Protein backbone atom coordinates (compact mmCIF):
# COMPACT_ATOMS: atom_id res chain seq x y z
CA UNK A 1 15.19 -24.23 7.94
CA UNK A 2 13.68 -25.66 10.52
CA UNK A 3 11.62 -22.52 12.26
CA UNK A 4 9.11 -23.38 13.81
CA UNK A 5 6.47 -26.46 14.34
CA UNK A 6 2.77 -25.98 12.95
CA UNK A 7 0.38 -29.18 13.67
CA UNK A 8 -2.96 -28.95 12.29
CA UNK A 9 -4.20 -28.44 15.59
CA UNK A 10 -3.09 -24.36 15.04
CA UNK A 11 -6.19 -24.90 12.41
CA UNK A 12 -8.64 -23.95 15.52
CA UNK A 13 -6.08 -20.93 16.75
CA UNK A 14 -8.39 -17.65 17.37
CA UNK A 15 -7.95 -14.76 15.01
CA UNK A 16 -9.60 -13.28 11.98
CA UNK A 17 -7.39 -14.39 9.40
CA UNK A 18 -7.95 -11.45 7.69
CA UNK A 19 -5.57 -10.11 10.09
CA UNK A 20 -3.42 -12.40 9.00
CA UNK A 21 -3.24 -10.94 5.43
CA UNK A 22 0.18 -9.06 3.67
CA UNK A 23 1.31 -6.95 1.07
CA UNK A 24 3.90 -8.89 1.62
CA UNK A 25 2.47 -12.38 1.03
CA UNK A 26 0.34 -12.07 -1.93
CA UNK A 27 3.39 -10.87 -3.78
CA UNK A 28 5.44 -14.38 -3.36
CA UNK A 29 2.24 -16.07 -4.36
CA UNK A 30 1.20 -14.17 -6.99
CA UNK A 31 5.76 -14.26 -8.13
CA UNK A 32 4.89 -18.12 -7.82
CA UNK A 33 1.91 -19.00 -9.74
CA UNK A 34 3.50 -16.69 -12.57
CA UNK A 35 6.99 -19.06 -11.81
CA UNK A 36 5.09 -21.96 -11.67
CA UNK A 37 2.94 -21.85 -14.30
CA UNK A 38 5.12 -19.86 -17.43
CA UNK A 39 7.91 -22.38 -16.52
CA UNK A 40 5.48 -25.82 -17.03
CA UNK A 41 2.84 -24.59 -18.82
CA UNK A 42 4.25 -25.72 -22.58
CA UNK A 43 5.22 -29.03 -20.72
CA UNK A 44 1.41 -29.78 -19.72
CA UNK A 45 0.34 -28.48 -23.10
CA UNK A 46 1.92 -30.53 -25.17
CA UNK A 47 1.42 -33.46 -23.08
CA UNK A 48 -1.79 -33.13 -23.56
CA UNK A 49 -1.58 -32.67 -27.54
CA UNK A 50 0.60 -35.91 -27.20
CA UNK A 51 -2.31 -37.64 -25.16
CA UNK A 52 -4.97 -37.17 -28.40
CA UNK A 53 -6.84 -33.73 -27.48
CA UNK A 54 -7.30 -31.26 -30.20
CA UNK A 55 -6.50 -27.47 -29.02
CA UNK A 56 -9.48 -26.49 -27.75
CA UNK A 57 -9.84 -30.16 -25.98
CA UNK A 58 -6.16 -29.55 -24.41
CA UNK A 59 -7.16 -25.23 -23.31
CA UNK A 60 -9.89 -26.96 -21.53
CA UNK A 61 -7.58 -28.79 -19.71
CA UNK A 62 -5.37 -25.72 -18.83
CA UNK A 63 -8.49 -24.32 -18.01
CA UNK A 64 -10.71 -26.66 -15.96
CA UNK A 65 -6.37 -27.52 -14.31
CA UNK A 66 -6.08 -24.41 -13.50
CA UNK A 67 -9.36 -23.90 -11.33
CA UNK A 68 -8.67 -27.00 -10.02
CA UNK A 69 -5.45 -25.51 -9.24
CA UNK A 70 -6.53 -22.71 -7.25
CA UNK A 71 -9.22 -23.49 -5.69
CA UNK A 72 -7.90 -26.45 -3.60
CA UNK A 73 -4.45 -24.41 -2.56
CA UNK A 74 -7.61 -22.19 -1.52
CA UNK A 75 -9.10 -25.00 0.61
CA UNK A 76 -5.78 -26.19 1.65
CA UNK A 77 -4.58 -23.08 2.80
CA UNK A 78 -8.07 -21.29 4.89
CA UNK A 79 -8.39 -24.98 5.69
CA UNK A 80 -5.14 -25.47 8.03
CA UNK A 81 -3.37 -21.54 7.61
CA UNK A 82 -0.28 -23.16 6.29
CA UNK A 83 1.31 -21.90 2.61
CA UNK A 84 0.41 -25.31 0.84
CA UNK A 85 0.91 -24.78 -2.86
CA UNK A 86 -1.56 -26.81 -4.79
CA UNK A 87 0.25 -28.16 -8.96
CA UNK A 88 -0.57 -29.68 -11.52
CA UNK A 89 1.79 -32.64 -12.76
CA UNK A 90 4.62 -31.71 -15.31
CA UNK A 91 6.10 -35.48 -14.34
CA UNK A 92 2.27 -36.34 -15.46
CA UNK A 93 2.88 -34.18 -18.73
CA UNK A 94 6.14 -35.59 -19.17
CA UNK A 95 5.48 -39.17 -19.05
CA UNK A 96 2.36 -38.73 -21.43
CA UNK A 97 4.49 -36.46 -24.08
CA UNK A 98 7.17 -39.21 -23.73
CA UNK A 99 3.86 -42.04 -23.68
CA UNK A 100 1.13 -40.28 -25.05
CA UNK A 101 2.23 -42.10 -28.79
CA UNK A 102 0.65 -45.81 -26.57
CA UNK A 103 -2.47 -44.36 -26.42
CA UNK A 104 -5.46 -45.33 -28.52
CA UNK A 105 -7.03 -41.41 -28.61
CA UNK A 106 -7.67 -39.05 -26.07
CA UNK A 107 -10.56 -40.40 -24.24
CA UNK A 108 -7.92 -43.31 -23.17
CA UNK A 109 -6.49 -40.62 -21.87
CA UNK A 110 -9.19 -39.93 -19.71
CA UNK A 111 -9.45 -42.86 -18.00
CA UNK A 112 -5.74 -42.68 -17.18
CA UNK A 113 -6.86 -39.75 -15.74
CA UNK A 114 -9.02 -40.52 -13.89
CA UNK A 115 -7.73 -43.55 -12.79
CA UNK A 116 -5.50 -41.38 -11.71
CA UNK A 117 -7.29 -39.56 -9.05
CA UNK A 118 -8.54 -42.44 -7.50
CA UNK A 119 -5.57 -43.93 -6.82
CA UNK A 120 -4.55 -40.97 -5.49
CA UNK A 121 -7.72 -40.77 -2.61
CA UNK A 122 -6.73 -43.87 -2.35
CA UNK A 123 -3.57 -43.29 -1.18
CA UNK A 124 -4.70 -39.68 1.20
CA UNK A 125 -7.32 -41.91 2.89
CA UNK A 126 -5.90 -45.84 2.54
CA UNK A 127 -2.67 -44.83 4.69
CA UNK A 128 -1.09 -48.54 3.69
CA UNK A 129 -1.43 -47.16 0.12
CA UNK A 130 0.68 -43.91 0.36
CA UNK A 131 3.13 -46.39 2.81
CA UNK A 132 3.69 -48.52 0.03
CA UNK A 133 4.52 -45.62 -2.71
CA UNK A 134 6.90 -44.10 0.02
CA UNK A 135 8.58 -47.03 0.46
CA UNK A 136 9.56 -47.31 -3.76
CA UNK A 137 13.40 -46.89 -3.21
CA UNK A 138 13.89 -43.17 -4.52
CA UNK A 139 16.20 -44.08 -6.45
CA UNK A 140 14.25 -46.29 -8.55
CA UNK A 141 11.89 -43.76 -8.78
CA UNK A 142 13.97 -41.18 -9.42
CA UNK A 143 15.30 -43.77 -12.12
CA UNK A 144 11.90 -43.82 -13.87
CA UNK A 145 11.40 -39.74 -13.81
CA UNK A 146 14.98 -39.50 -15.34
CA UNK A 147 14.59 -42.29 -18.16
CA UNK A 148 11.03 -40.77 -18.34
CA UNK A 149 12.82 -37.28 -19.49
CA UNK A 150 15.11 -38.12 -22.08
CA UNK A 151 13.23 -38.16 -24.36
CA UNK A 152 12.32 -34.52 -23.15
CA UNK A 153 15.26 -32.93 -22.77
CA UNK A 154 16.56 -34.74 -26.20
CA UNK A 155 14.95 -31.93 -27.93
CA UNK A 156 16.52 -29.14 -27.67
CA UNK A 157 19.17 -30.51 -29.83
CA UNK A 158 16.22 -31.65 -31.88
CA UNK A 159 15.27 -28.10 -32.59
CA UNK A 160 18.80 -27.21 -33.51
CA UNK A 161 18.08 -30.04 -36.59
CA UNK A 162 14.27 -28.84 -37.41
CA UNK A 163 15.73 -25.04 -37.99
CA UNK A 164 17.96 -23.34 -36.38
CA UNK A 165 17.65 -20.16 -37.01
CA UNK A 166 14.59 -20.73 -34.50
CA UNK A 167 16.61 -23.29 -31.47
CA UNK A 168 19.38 -21.28 -31.62
CA UNK A 169 18.66 -17.85 -29.67
CA UNK A 170 16.09 -19.91 -28.22
CA UNK A 171 18.79 -21.50 -26.16
CA UNK A 172 21.04 -18.35 -25.37
CA UNK A 173 17.89 -16.68 -23.97
CA UNK A 174 17.15 -19.46 -21.83
CA UNK A 175 20.81 -19.92 -21.37
CA UNK A 176 21.54 -15.95 -20.24
CA UNK A 177 18.52 -14.84 -18.57
CA UNK A 178 19.25 -18.06 -16.37
CA UNK A 179 22.78 -16.50 -15.35
CA UNK A 180 21.30 -13.82 -13.93
CA UNK A 181 17.82 -15.70 -12.37
CA UNK A 182 17.47 -19.72 -13.81
CA UNK A 183 13.08 -18.72 -12.02
CA UNK A 184 12.38 -16.88 -15.53
CA UNK A 185 14.28 -18.23 -18.03
CA UNK A 186 12.16 -20.73 -19.53
CA UNK A 187 9.07 -17.90 -19.22
CA UNK A 188 12.01 -15.45 -20.95
CA UNK A 189 13.24 -17.91 -24.08
CA UNK A 190 9.15 -18.20 -24.66
CA UNK A 191 8.41 -14.61 -24.25
CA UNK A 192 11.42 -14.97 -27.13
CA UNK A 193 9.81 -18.17 -29.49
CA UNK A 194 6.49 -16.60 -29.73
CA UNK A 195 7.45 -13.69 -31.58
CA UNK A 196 10.14 -14.75 -33.80
CA UNK A 197 7.87 -17.48 -34.72
CA UNK A 198 5.27 -15.29 -35.46
CA UNK A 199 8.20 -13.49 -37.89
CA UNK A 200 9.87 -16.23 -39.56
CA UNK A 201 6.31 -18.51 -39.72
CA UNK A 202 4.05 -16.01 -40.24
CA UNK A 203 0.83 -15.24 -38.14
CA UNK A 204 -2.78 -16.72 -39.67
CA UNK A 205 -5.36 -14.29 -42.03
CA UNK A 206 -7.72 -15.48 -39.50
CA UNK A 207 -5.40 -14.54 -35.99
CA UNK A 208 -7.18 -12.16 -35.27
CA UNK A 209 -11.14 -13.65 -35.45
CA UNK A 210 -9.37 -16.46 -32.62
CA UNK A 211 -7.68 -13.95 -30.43
CA UNK A 212 -10.97 -13.05 -30.19
CA UNK A 213 -12.83 -16.11 -29.41
CA UNK A 214 -9.77 -17.40 -27.19
CA UNK A 215 -10.89 -14.47 -24.52
CA UNK A 216 -14.06 -16.48 -23.88
CA UNK A 217 -13.29 -19.83 -21.33
CA UNK A 218 -14.23 -23.12 -23.55
CA UNK A 219 -14.78 -25.97 -20.46
CA UNK A 220 -15.53 -29.24 -23.40
CA UNK A 221 -16.45 -33.01 -21.66
CA UNK A 222 -14.21 -35.78 -23.12
CA UNK A 223 -16.48 -38.84 -22.50
CA UNK A 224 -13.42 -41.88 -20.83
CA UNK A 225 -12.80 -45.02 -22.24
CA UNK A 226 -10.28 -47.60 -19.84
CA UNK A 227 -8.51 -49.47 -21.94
CA UNK A 228 -6.63 -52.17 -19.92
CA UNK A 229 -3.20 -51.60 -21.41
CA UNK A 230 -4.09 -48.14 -21.39
CA UNK A 231 -4.75 -47.83 -17.06
CA UNK A 232 -1.60 -50.21 -16.93
CA UNK A 233 1.37 -48.62 -18.87
CA UNK A 234 0.25 -45.33 -17.92
CA UNK A 235 -2.03 -44.53 -15.75
CA UNK A 236 -0.36 -46.73 -12.45
CA UNK A 237 3.19 -44.85 -13.70
CA UNK A 238 1.58 -41.34 -13.71
CA UNK A 239 0.12 -41.88 -9.96
CA UNK A 240 4.18 -43.16 -9.21
CA UNK A 241 5.59 -40.33 -10.40
CA UNK A 242 2.70 -37.98 -8.77
CA UNK A 243 2.89 -38.71 -5.71
CA UNK A 244 6.72 -39.42 -6.02
CA UNK A 245 7.67 -36.65 -7.85
CA UNK A 246 5.19 -34.21 -6.28
CA UNK A 247 3.11 -35.10 -3.29
CA UNK A 248 6.29 -37.13 -1.35
CA UNK A 249 8.57 -33.83 -2.43
CA UNK A 250 6.16 -31.51 -1.61
CA UNK A 251 4.77 -32.79 1.75
CA UNK A 252 8.82 -32.67 2.64
CA UNK A 253 9.48 -28.80 2.01
CA UNK A 254 6.84 -28.13 4.66
CA UNK A 255 8.00 -29.94 7.23
CA UNK A 256 11.64 -28.74 6.38
CA UNK A 257 9.62 -24.90 6.94
CA UNK A 258 8.25 -26.44 10.22
CA UNK A 259 4.95 -26.96 8.73
CA UNK A 260 4.19 -30.55 10.06
CA UNK A 261 -0.22 -30.84 8.93
CA UNK A 262 -0.96 -35.12 8.01
CA UNK A 263 -0.54 -36.06 4.62
CA UNK A 264 -2.85 -38.13 3.87
CA UNK A 265 -6.24 -35.62 4.22
CA UNK A 266 -3.61 -33.04 1.38
CA UNK A 267 -3.65 -35.98 -1.14
CA UNK A 268 -6.85 -36.73 -0.69
CA UNK A 269 -7.51 -33.07 -1.13
CA UNK A 270 -5.52 -32.84 -4.56
CA UNK A 271 -7.42 -36.95 -5.81
CA UNK A 272 -10.97 -35.14 -5.72
CA UNK A 273 -9.92 -31.87 -7.76
CA UNK A 274 -8.19 -34.02 -10.26
CA UNK A 275 -10.99 -36.72 -10.15
CA UNK A 276 -13.55 -33.35 -11.10
CA UNK A 277 -11.64 -32.17 -13.14
CA UNK A 278 -10.09 -34.95 -15.14
CA UNK A 279 -13.62 -35.24 -17.56
CA UNK A 280 -13.07 -31.96 -18.98
CA UNK A 281 -8.97 -32.89 -20.38
CA UNK A 282 -6.71 -32.74 -17.10
CA UNK A 283 -4.21 -34.47 -16.72
CA UNK A 284 -3.69 -33.98 -12.77
CA UNK A 285 -3.73 -32.17 -9.56
CA UNK A 286 -0.66 -32.50 -6.77
CA UNK A 287 1.22 -30.64 -3.66
CA UNK A 288 3.38 -28.41 -5.02
CA UNK A 289 7.35 -29.10 -5.81
CA UNK A 290 9.03 -26.35 -7.87
CA UNK A 291 7.32 -23.14 -5.83
CA UNK A 292 6.36 -25.05 -2.37
CA UNK A 293 10.33 -23.09 -0.98
CA UNK A 294 8.74 -19.97 -2.20
CA UNK A 295 5.45 -19.84 -0.22
CA UNK A 296 7.08 -20.96 2.54
CA UNK A 297 10.39 -19.11 2.92
CA UNK A 298 10.62 -15.50 4.79
CA UNK A 299 9.66 -13.85 1.47
CA UNK A 300 6.17 -14.04 2.38
CA UNK A 301 6.14 -12.73 5.44
CA UNK A 302 8.31 -12.58 8.72
CA UNK A 303 6.00 -14.54 10.81
CA UNK A 304 5.42 -18.02 10.17
CA UNK A 305 1.90 -18.30 10.71
CA UNK A 306 0.99 -15.70 8.58
CA UNK A 307 2.71 -17.14 5.31
CA UNK A 308 -0.44 -19.14 4.78
CA UNK A 309 -1.67 -15.78 2.63
CA UNK A 310 1.14 -16.52 0.05
CA UNK A 311 -0.97 -20.06 -0.85
CA UNK A 312 -4.10 -17.83 -0.84
CA UNK A 313 -2.76 -15.39 -3.36
CA UNK A 314 -1.62 -18.19 -5.29
CA UNK A 315 -5.08 -19.71 -5.55
CA UNK A 316 -6.62 -17.07 -6.90
CA UNK A 317 -4.11 -16.13 -9.56
CA UNK A 318 -4.48 -19.87 -10.96
CA UNK A 319 -8.07 -19.15 -10.79
CA UNK A 320 -7.09 -15.84 -13.24
CA UNK A 321 -4.77 -17.34 -15.50
CA UNK A 322 -6.95 -20.28 -16.31
CA UNK A 323 -9.50 -17.29 -17.84
CA UNK A 324 -6.49 -16.46 -19.91
CA UNK A 325 -5.76 -19.94 -20.82
CA UNK A 326 -7.29 -20.10 -24.25
CA UNK A 327 -4.68 -16.49 -24.95
CA UNK A 328 -1.47 -17.81 -23.85
CA UNK A 329 -2.49 -21.52 -25.93
CA UNK A 330 -3.23 -19.67 -29.13
CA UNK A 331 0.37 -17.84 -29.05
CA UNK A 332 1.77 -21.23 -28.17
CA UNK A 333 -0.25 -22.80 -31.56
CA UNK A 334 1.94 -21.01 -33.75
CA UNK A 335 5.50 -22.57 -32.01
CA UNK A 336 6.24 -25.11 -34.50
CA UNK A 337 5.53 -28.87 -31.63
CA UNK A 338 9.27 -29.67 -31.52
CA UNK A 339 9.77 -26.69 -30.60
CA UNK A 340 7.54 -26.05 -28.25
CA UNK A 341 8.92 -29.29 -27.17
CA UNK A 342 12.21 -27.55 -27.08
CA UNK A 343 10.85 -25.13 -24.36
CA UNK A 344 9.98 -28.36 -22.32
CA UNK A 345 13.07 -29.99 -22.60
CA UNK A 346 14.79 -26.31 -21.11
CA UNK A 347 12.27 -26.62 -18.24
CA UNK A 348 13.13 -29.99 -16.60
CA UNK A 349 17.07 -29.99 -17.75
CA UNK A 350 17.19 -29.16 -13.48
CA UNK A 351 14.29 -32.42 -13.07
CA UNK A 352 15.94 -34.21 -15.34
CA UNK A 353 19.52 -33.75 -13.89
CA UNK A 354 18.68 -34.12 -9.91
CA UNK A 355 16.39 -36.91 -10.79
CA UNK A 356 19.22 -39.57 -12.24
CA UNK A 357 21.94 -38.20 -9.74
CA UNK A 358 19.64 -38.80 -6.85
CA UNK A 359 18.84 -42.43 -8.68
CA UNK A 360 23.20 -43.22 -9.37
CA UNK A 361 24.10 -41.84 -6.11
CA UNK A 362 24.21 -45.04 -4.31
CA UNK A 363 26.18 -47.28 -5.44
CA UNK A 364 25.16 -49.82 -4.05
CA UNK A 365 21.83 -49.34 -5.96
CA UNK A 366 22.98 -48.39 -9.01
CA UNK A 367 23.18 -51.27 -10.92
CA UNK A 368 19.42 -51.37 -10.46
CA UNK A 369 18.44 -47.72 -10.89
CA UNK A 370 20.26 -48.22 -14.63
CA UNK A 371 18.39 -50.82 -15.65
CA UNK A 372 14.90 -48.80 -14.35
CA UNK A 373 17.08 -45.50 -16.02
CA UNK A 374 17.06 -47.28 -19.50
CA UNK A 375 14.02 -49.45 -19.60
CA UNK A 376 12.05 -46.18 -19.32
CA UNK A 377 13.82 -43.96 -21.42
CA UNK A 378 13.86 -46.46 -24.80
CA UNK A 379 10.15 -45.87 -25.56
CA UNK A 380 9.67 -49.65 -25.26
CA UNK A 381 6.06 -50.74 -25.50
CA UNK A 382 5.30 -54.50 -24.55
CA UNK A 383 2.23 -55.87 -24.25
CA UNK A 384 1.39 -52.34 -25.30
CA UNK A 385 2.52 -51.14 -21.86
CA UNK A 386 5.10 -48.39 -21.94
CA UNK A 387 8.01 -48.40 -20.03
CA UNK A 388 7.89 -46.42 -17.27
CA UNK A 389 5.88 -49.05 -15.76
CA UNK A 390 8.61 -51.65 -17.02
CA UNK A 391 11.31 -49.80 -15.84
CA UNK A 392 9.70 -49.75 -12.78
CA UNK A 393 8.79 -53.56 -12.73
CA UNK A 394 12.60 -55.02 -13.69
CA UNK A 395 13.94 -52.17 -11.64
CA UNK A 396 12.42 -53.27 -8.08
CA UNK A 397 13.07 -56.62 -9.12
CA UNK A 398 17.03 -56.14 -9.67
CA UNK A 399 16.34 -54.04 -6.04
């Protein structure tokens, strides 16, 4: 897969950046943003809700997340002339869905986001911390992630019990479209579900007024509260899953395609934008794993050194998606939360199966990984600290 080796020194290469732009790169970048945004929109929205955010605060978080992702991605792409893809923390949102009930308020959630952002910046700047996270056995990190995802991936089954007439078309659409193109399976299911819910459950009488109001971008500042139990229970696991499930794979995918930037500045960049956006309800920005391979491939351009414009295009698109976050959120509000979780569960099913397979792949580490998985998936909250942290701790001790 390796096609070339580009280093940070190449950022100084001569040539007008505009000359490197191409319609192919723009098309791939916009497609990548659509896939990344629609596949995990429901997950992130539900994660923000689970952290105690009101609908207005959740939309504020989505808007600021999108803008932060867009600016971060554009800066990195132009700075290094590499297709460095940036995304929100989908595993982090999954962690909030699974552990949000341990938070006393949305203000505590903001404190958690800020801690995770600061730890990301430290990891990018202070290499020993980054190496410590990278030294966590991949099997244990995957076991913790699989445990966090387990309750969410059970949501489609729960949705069948809630309302089979709504859940069945959702599952069938996801399955049928997935047989043709798995990237569009979840967006297709969401497109089917929203009008189906509107037809079956009805639309609020003031929906038109709400729609007009949602066209105006809304940002809300939320005062952080730093609760020690919440910081340990969710803040540290949020940082770990972001590093292990997003940043490390994101750098690995870049290296697989021959791009060799230093990881520290990339993580420092995303941590900085996470810090800026957290007070407005944003749960975290990181390197992309899902869409990274799309932007690095030949679909972006035949010449690897010109593919960075795909990341620039994706960043511009994220800015646009942020402006209509209120509209998208308004339609999602029509859907009962159990069905939103079902969408999230379908979107995360691939991540769950991959994480579980990686966790149990090495027979020498299988028992420690199994314990970490069971603790993380149990919903345990001991001393006010959630199961994800205890799973990682107990699994590490056994390892």
